[in-house]
C-alpha atoms as a PDB file:
ATOM      1  CA  MET A   1      99.943  96.406 103.954  1.00  0.00           C
ATOM      2  CA  ARG A   2      97.203  95.484 101.644  1.00  0.00           C
ATOM      3  CA  GLN A   3      97.758  94.714  97.918  1.00  0.00           C
ATOM      4  CA  ARG A   4      95.159  96.560  95.856  1.00  0.00           C
ATOM      5  CA  ARG A   5      95.037  96.850  92.041  1.00  0.00           C
ATOM      6  CA  ASN A   6      98.751  96.684  91.456  1.00  0.00           C
ATOM      7  CA  ASN A   7      99.265  99.398  94.008  1.00  0.00           C
ATOM      8  CA  ILE A   8      99.917  99.535  97.792  1.00  0.00           C
ATOM      9  CA  PHE A   9      97.239 100.874 100.136  1.00  0.00           C
ATOM     10  CA  SER A  10      99.270 101.449 103.071  1.00  0.00           C
ATOM     11  CA  GLU A  11      97.828 100.537 106.528  1.00  0.00           C
ATOM     12  CA  GLU A  12      98.933 104.058 107.707  1.00  0.00           C
ATOM     13  CA  ARG A  13      96.912 105.779 104.842  1.00  0.00           C
ATOM     14  CA  GLY A  14      93.914 103.519 105.507  1.00  0.00           C
ATOM     15  CA  ALA A  15      94.073 104.332 109.124  1.00  0.00           C
ATOM     16  CA  GLU A  16      94.360 107.959 108.594  1.00  0.00           C
ATOM     17  CA  LEU A  17      91.345 107.874 106.374  1.00  0.00           C
ATOM     18  CA  LEU A  18      89.252 105.608 108.602  1.00  0.00           C
ATOM     19  CA  TYR A  19      89.962 107.730 111.645  1.00  0.00           C
ATOM     20  CA  GLY A  20      89.013 110.845 109.640  1.00  0.00           C
ATOM     21  CA  ILE A  21      85.799 109.530 108.390  1.00  0.00           C
ATOM     22  CA  LEU A  22      84.701 108.446 112.110  1.00  0.00           C
ATOM     23  CA  THR A  23      85.701 111.793 113.537  1.00  0.00           C
ATOM     24  CA  LEU A  24      84.020 113.767 110.607  1.00  0.00           C
ATOM     25  CA  ILE A  25      80.854 111.804 111.086  1.00  0.00           C
ATOM     26  CA  SER A  26      80.904 112.182 114.797  1.00  0.00           C
ATOM     27  CA  SER A  27      81.253 115.980 114.553  1.00  0.00           C
ATOM     28  CA  GLU A  28      78.098 116.203 112.514  1.00  0.00           C
ATOM     29  CA  GLU A  29      74.429 115.391 113.048  1.00  0.00           C
ATOM     30  CA  GLY A  30      74.703 113.177 109.883  1.00  0.00           C
ATOM     31  CA  LEU A  31      76.056 113.146 106.457  1.00  0.00           C
ATOM     32  CA  ARG A  32      75.156 111.429 103.154  1.00  0.00           C
ATOM     33  CA  SER A  33      77.876 109.224 101.680  1.00  0.00           C
ATOM     34  CA  HIS A  34      78.787 111.678  98.869  1.00  0.00           C
ATOM     35  CA  GLN A  35      79.110 114.477 101.579  1.00  0.00           C
ATOM     36  CA  VAL A  36      81.539 112.274 103.442  1.00  0.00           C
ATOM     37  CA  ASP A  37      83.661 111.630 100.200  1.00  0.00           C
ATOM     38  CA  ALA A  38      83.594 115.458  99.358  1.00  0.00           C
ATOM     39  CA  ARG A  39      84.788 116.376 102.814  1.00  0.00           C
ATOM     40  CA  MET A  40      87.335 113.718 102.795  1.00  0.00           C
ATOM     41  CA  ARG A  41      88.738 114.947  99.443  1.00  0.00           C
ATOM     42  CA  ARG A  42      89.122 118.424 100.952  1.00  0.00           C
ATOM     43  CA  GLU A  43      90.521 117.513 104.329  1.00  0.00           C
ATOM     44  CA  PHE A  44      92.778 114.483 103.092  1.00  0.00           C
ATOM     45  CA  PRO A  45      94.103 115.516  99.650  1.00  0.00           C
ATOM     46  CA  PRO A  46      95.808 112.870  97.607  1.00  0.00           C
ATOM     47  CA  ILE A  47      99.328 111.992  98.540  1.00  0.00           C
ATOM     48  CA  GLY A  48     102.142 109.708  97.557  1.00  0.00           C
ATOM     49  CA  ILE A  49     101.123 106.596  95.536  1.00  0.00           C
ATOM     50  CA  GLU A  50      97.741 108.087  95.031  1.00  0.00           C
ATOM     51  CA  LEU A  51      99.325 110.538  92.670  1.00  0.00           C
ATOM     52  CA  ASP A  52     100.689 109.243  89.300  1.00  0.00           C
ATOM     53  CA  PRO A  53     104.131 110.631  88.889  1.00  0.00           C
ATOM     54  CA  SER A  54     104.227 109.766  85.239  1.00  0.00           C
ATOM     55  CA  SER A  55     101.611 112.339  84.176  1.00  0.00           C
ATOM     56  CA  ASP A  56     101.587 116.168  84.128  1.00  0.00           C
ATOM     57  CA  ARG A  57     100.513 117.978  87.214  1.00  0.00           C
ATOM     58  CA  LYS A  58      96.811 118.431  86.329  1.00  0.00           C
ATOM     59  CA  ASP A  59      96.388 114.767  85.252  1.00  0.00           C
ATOM     60  CA  GLN A  60      98.299 113.788  88.221  1.00  0.00           C
ATOM     61  CA  TYR A  61      95.962 115.478  90.681  1.00  0.00           C
ATOM     62  CA  GLU A  62      92.901 114.135  88.904  1.00  0.00           C
ATOM     63  CA  HIS A  63      94.338 110.692  89.031  1.00  0.00           C
ATOM     64  CA  GLY A  64      95.001 111.211  92.696  1.00  0.00           C
ATOM     65  CA  LEU A  65      91.460 112.260  93.408  1.00  0.00           C
ATOM     66  CA  GLN A  66      90.166 109.082  91.695  1.00  0.00           C
ATOM     67  CA  ARG A  67      92.629 106.976  93.794  1.00  0.00           C
ATOM     68  CA  LEU A  68      91.690 108.895  97.002  1.00  0.00           C
ATOM     69  CA  THR A  69      87.984 108.261  96.249  1.00  0.00           C
ATOM     70  CA  SER A  70      88.730 104.547  95.954  1.00  0.00           C
ATOM     71  CA  ASP A  71      90.895 104.496  99.201  1.00  0.00           C
ATOM     72  CA  VAL A  72      88.092 106.466 101.172  1.00  0.00           C
ATOM     73  CA  SER A  73      85.662 103.766  99.979  1.00  0.00           C
ATOM     74  CA  THR A  74      87.887 100.965 101.121  1.00  0.00           C
ATOM     75  CA  ALA A  75      88.372 102.784 104.489  1.00  0.00           C
ATOM     76  CA  LYS A  76      84.570 103.137 104.781  1.00  0.00           C
ATOM     77  CA  SER A  77      83.842  99.402 104.189  1.00  0.00           C
ATOM     78  CA  GLY A  78      82.697  97.530 107.161  1.00  0.00           C
ATOM     79  CA  LEU A  79      81.843 100.529 109.300  1.00  0.00           C
ATOM     80  CA  GLY A  80      78.101  99.817 109.163  1.00  0.00           C
ATOM     81  CA  ALA A  81      78.502  96.029 109.609  1.00  0.00           C
ATOM     82  CA  GLU A  82      80.650  96.618 112.639  1.00  0.00           C
ATOM     83  CA  GLY A  83      77.981  98.834 114.083  1.00  0.00           C
ATOM     84  CA  TRP A  84      80.249 101.986 114.142  1.00  0.00           C
ATOM     85  CA  ILE A  85      77.946 104.032 111.899  1.00  0.00           C
ATOM     86  CA  ASP A  86      74.340 103.859 111.169  1.00  0.00           C
ATOM     87  CA  LYS A  87      73.598 104.365 107.430  1.00  0.00           C
ATOM     88  CA  ARG A  88      70.064 102.827 107.145  1.00  0.00           C
ATOM     89  CA  THR A  89      68.482 106.005 106.353  1.00  0.00           C
ATOM     90  CA  ARG A  90      71.078 107.051 103.915  1.00  0.00           C
ATOM     91  CA  ILE A  91      72.407 109.579 106.150  1.00  0.00           C
ATOM     92  CA  TRP A  92      75.500 108.371 107.989  1.00  0.00           C
ATOM     93  CA  ARG A  93      75.452 108.899 111.799  1.00  0.00           C
ATOM     94  CA  ILE A  94      78.101 107.571 114.312  1.00  0.00           C
ATOM     95  CA  THR A  95      76.627 105.157 116.795  1.00  0.00           C
ATOM     96  CA  ASP A  96      77.538 104.614 120.466  1.00  0.00           C
ATOM     97  CA  LEU A  97      79.809 101.714 119.413  1.00  0.00           C
ATOM     98  CA  GLY A  98      81.618 103.975 116.994  1.00  0.00           C
ATOM     99  CA  ARG A  99      82.001 106.822 119.588  1.00  0.00           C
ATOM    100  CA  GLU A 100      83.172 104.308 122.054  1.00  0.00           C
ATOM    101  CA  ALA A 101      85.725 102.857 119.589  1.00  0.00           C
ATOM    102  CA  ILE A 102      87.310 106.168 118.721  1.00  0.00           C
ATOM    103  CA  ALA A 103      87.371 107.054 122.428  1.00  0.00           C
ATOM    104  CA  ARG A 104      88.992 103.882 123.486  1.00  0.00           C
ATOM    105  CA  VAL A 105      91.398 103.456 120.675  1.00  0.00           C
ATOM    106  CA  THR A 106      92.908 106.750 119.876  1.00  0.00           C
ATOM    107  CA  ASP A 107      95.733 105.391 117.627  1.00  0.00           C
ATOM    108  CA  PRO A 108      94.388 105.473 114.035  1.00  0.00           C
ATOM    109  CA  VAL A 109      96.437 102.425 113.071  1.00  0.00           C
ATOM    110  CA  GLN A 110      95.157 100.412 116.104  1.00  0.00           C
ATOM    111  CA  LEU A 111      91.686 101.417 115.302  1.00  0.00           C
ATOM    112  CA  PHE A 112      92.143 100.267 111.619  1.00  0.00           C
ATOM    113  CA  ARG A 113      93.401  96.919 112.861  1.00  0.00           C
ATOM    114  CA  LEU A 114      90.407  96.585 115.211  1.00  0.00           C
ATOM    115  CA  ARG A 115      88.004  97.256 112.344  1.00  0.00           C
ATOM    116  CA  ASP A 116      89.851  94.625 110.245  1.00  0.00           C
ATOM    117  CA  ARG A 117      89.801  91.996 113.014  1.00  0.00           C
ATOM    118  CA  LEU A 118      86.054  92.638 113.514  1.00  0.00           C
ATOM    119  CA  ARG A 119      85.306  92.381 109.714  1.00  0.00           C
ATOM    120  CA  ASP A 120      87.318  89.201 109.554  1.00  0.00           C
ATOM    121  CA  LYS A 121      85.186  87.669 112.280  1.00  0.00           C
ATOM    122  CA  SER A 122      82.002  88.316 110.546  1.00  0.00           C
END
């Protein structure tokens, strides 16, 4: 698990978000970064530690959306550098390498670990 800002960003949640991002982008002709974020908020609502249990329900959900946005950003990091997505035109498109990665590594946690290994090498 990764330590982030006094909170735990679980490998499982990061893997779920990373896999979701790649499959979302692969199912579209291309999406802008803010479109990816909006779709991820709808398809992967805040859970667990992303929600702040000490606040009322509305504040808890708002806090959860902020944490989720941060976690999606963390999951997105490195995707362009690894060659899995092309975002040079500000429209994100999955590359052949990205398609190959999600076809070859179907377990989200293993895909997450592969992305981390590749990122650590660069």
